[in-house]
Amino acid sequence: MAYKLVERGGQFLKVPAAGTSQKCSACGHRDPASRRDVAFVCTSCGWTGHADSNAAMNILNAAGLAVYGRGAETVGSRCEASTSRRAA
């Protein structure tokens, strides 16, 4: 995957994903109790959102591509991506 990105002018960044689903993308507090199935509810600041979107924002933060903060747009906040597949 990395060589294909370079060929097309992209960049490949490795980011450790461990714990990203337990860390609040708004305040940075990490608590396994914040992850509640598909919901994320921070036990420190009270921020709520989709758990996968929260983890994605943490990965972007770790890569230096996003910023922490309540004012920051969260990944997936405008639409919900479908994971279903249709037969052709």
Protein backbone atom coordinates (compact mmCIF):
# COMPACT_ATOMS: atom_id res chain seq x y z
CA MET A 1 0.00 0.00 0.00
CA ALA A 2 2.81 2.42 0.85
CA TYR A 3 4.43 2.27 -2.59
CA LYS A 4 1.09 2.89 -4.31
CA LEU A 5 0.52 6.01 -2.23
CA VAL A 6 3.99 7.33 -3.04
CA GLU A 7 3.42 6.66 -6.77
CA ARG A 8 0.25 8.75 -6.61
CA GLY A 9 1.68 11.58 -4.54
CA GLY A 10 0.21 10.50 -1.21
CA GLN A 11 1.90 9.78 2.06
CA PHE A 12 1.89 6.71 4.29
CA LEU A 13 1.96 7.29 8.04
CA LYS A 14 2.15 4.49 10.59
CA VAL A 15 0.23 5.23 13.76
CA PRO A 16 -0.17 2.90 16.75
CA ALA A 17 -3.90 2.19 17.00
CA ALA A 18 -3.80 0.59 20.46
CA GLY A 19 -6.14 2.38 22.88
CA THR A 20 -7.59 4.77 20.31
CA SER A 21 -11.12 3.51 20.95
CA GLN A 22 -10.77 4.17 24.70
CA LYS A 23 -9.34 7.70 24.47
CA CYS A 24 -11.53 10.80 24.20
CA SER A 25 -10.76 12.77 21.04
CA ALA A 26 -12.04 15.95 22.71
CA CYS A 27 -10.02 15.99 25.95
CA GLY A 28 -7.52 13.12 25.62
CA HIS A 29 -8.71 11.25 28.71
CA ARG A 30 -8.38 7.46 28.38
CA ASP A 31 -10.84 5.17 30.16
CA PRO A 32 -12.07 1.76 28.90
CA ALA A 33 -15.45 2.53 30.54
CA SER A 34 -15.97 5.37 28.02
CA ARG A 35 -16.39 2.85 25.19
CA ARG A 36 -19.97 1.57 25.29
CA ASP A 37 -20.57 -0.70 22.30
CA VAL A 38 -20.90 1.70 19.33
CA ALA A 39 -21.21 4.78 21.54
CA PHE A 40 -18.38 6.71 23.17
CA VAL A 41 -19.20 8.73 26.29
CA CYS A 42 -16.17 10.32 27.95
CA THR A 43 -16.11 9.72 31.70
CA SER A 44 -14.07 12.89 32.14
CA CYS A 45 -15.53 15.67 29.96
CA GLY A 46 -18.85 14.07 28.92
CA TRP A 47 -18.23 14.29 25.15
CA THR A 48 -20.36 11.79 23.24
CA GLY A 49 -20.09 10.38 19.75
CA HIS A 50 -19.76 7.26 17.66
CA ALA A 51 -16.96 5.07 19.04
CA ASP A 52 -15.42 4.37 15.62
CA SER A 53 -15.45 8.05 14.67
CA ASN A 54 -13.81 8.89 17.99
CA ALA A 55 -11.07 6.29 17.35
CA ALA A 56 -10.54 7.63 13.81
CA MET A 57 -10.09 11.15 15.16
CA ASN A 58 -7.54 9.86 17.67
CA ILE A 59 -5.62 8.18 14.84
CA LEU A 60 -5.66 11.44 12.85
CA ASN A 61 -4.45 13.30 15.96
CA ALA A 62 -1.60 10.81 16.41
CA ALA A 63 -0.59 11.31 12.77
CA GLY A 64 -0.59 15.10 13.23
CA LEU A 65 -3.49 15.53 10.80
CA ALA A 66 -6.11 16.83 13.24
CA VAL A 67 -6.29 18.72 16.52
CA TYR A 68 -7.79 17.98 19.92
CA GLY A 69 -10.56 20.17 21.17
CA ARG A 70 -14.29 20.49 21.42
CA GLY A 71 -14.37 22.90 18.49
CA ALA A 72 -12.69 20.43 16.15
CA GLU A 73 -14.89 18.70 13.60
CA THR A 74 -15.11 15.00 14.35
CA VAL A 75 -14.73 12.36 11.71
CA GLY A 76 -18.11 11.15 10.49
CA SER A 77 -20.07 13.92 12.15
CA ARG A 78 -21.78 14.96 8.92
CA CYS A 79 -22.82 11.55 7.65
CA GLU A 80 -22.91 7.93 8.61
CA ALA A 81 -20.99 5.64 6.29
CA SER A 82 -22.70 2.47 5.18
CA THR A 83 -20.95 -0.82 5.77
CA SER A 84 -23.40 -2.88 3.74
CA ARG A 85 -22.47 -4.35 0.38
CA ARG A 86 -24.73 -4.87 -2.59
CA ALA A 87 -24.48 -7.66 -5.11
CA ALA A 88 -23.57 -6.43 -8.59
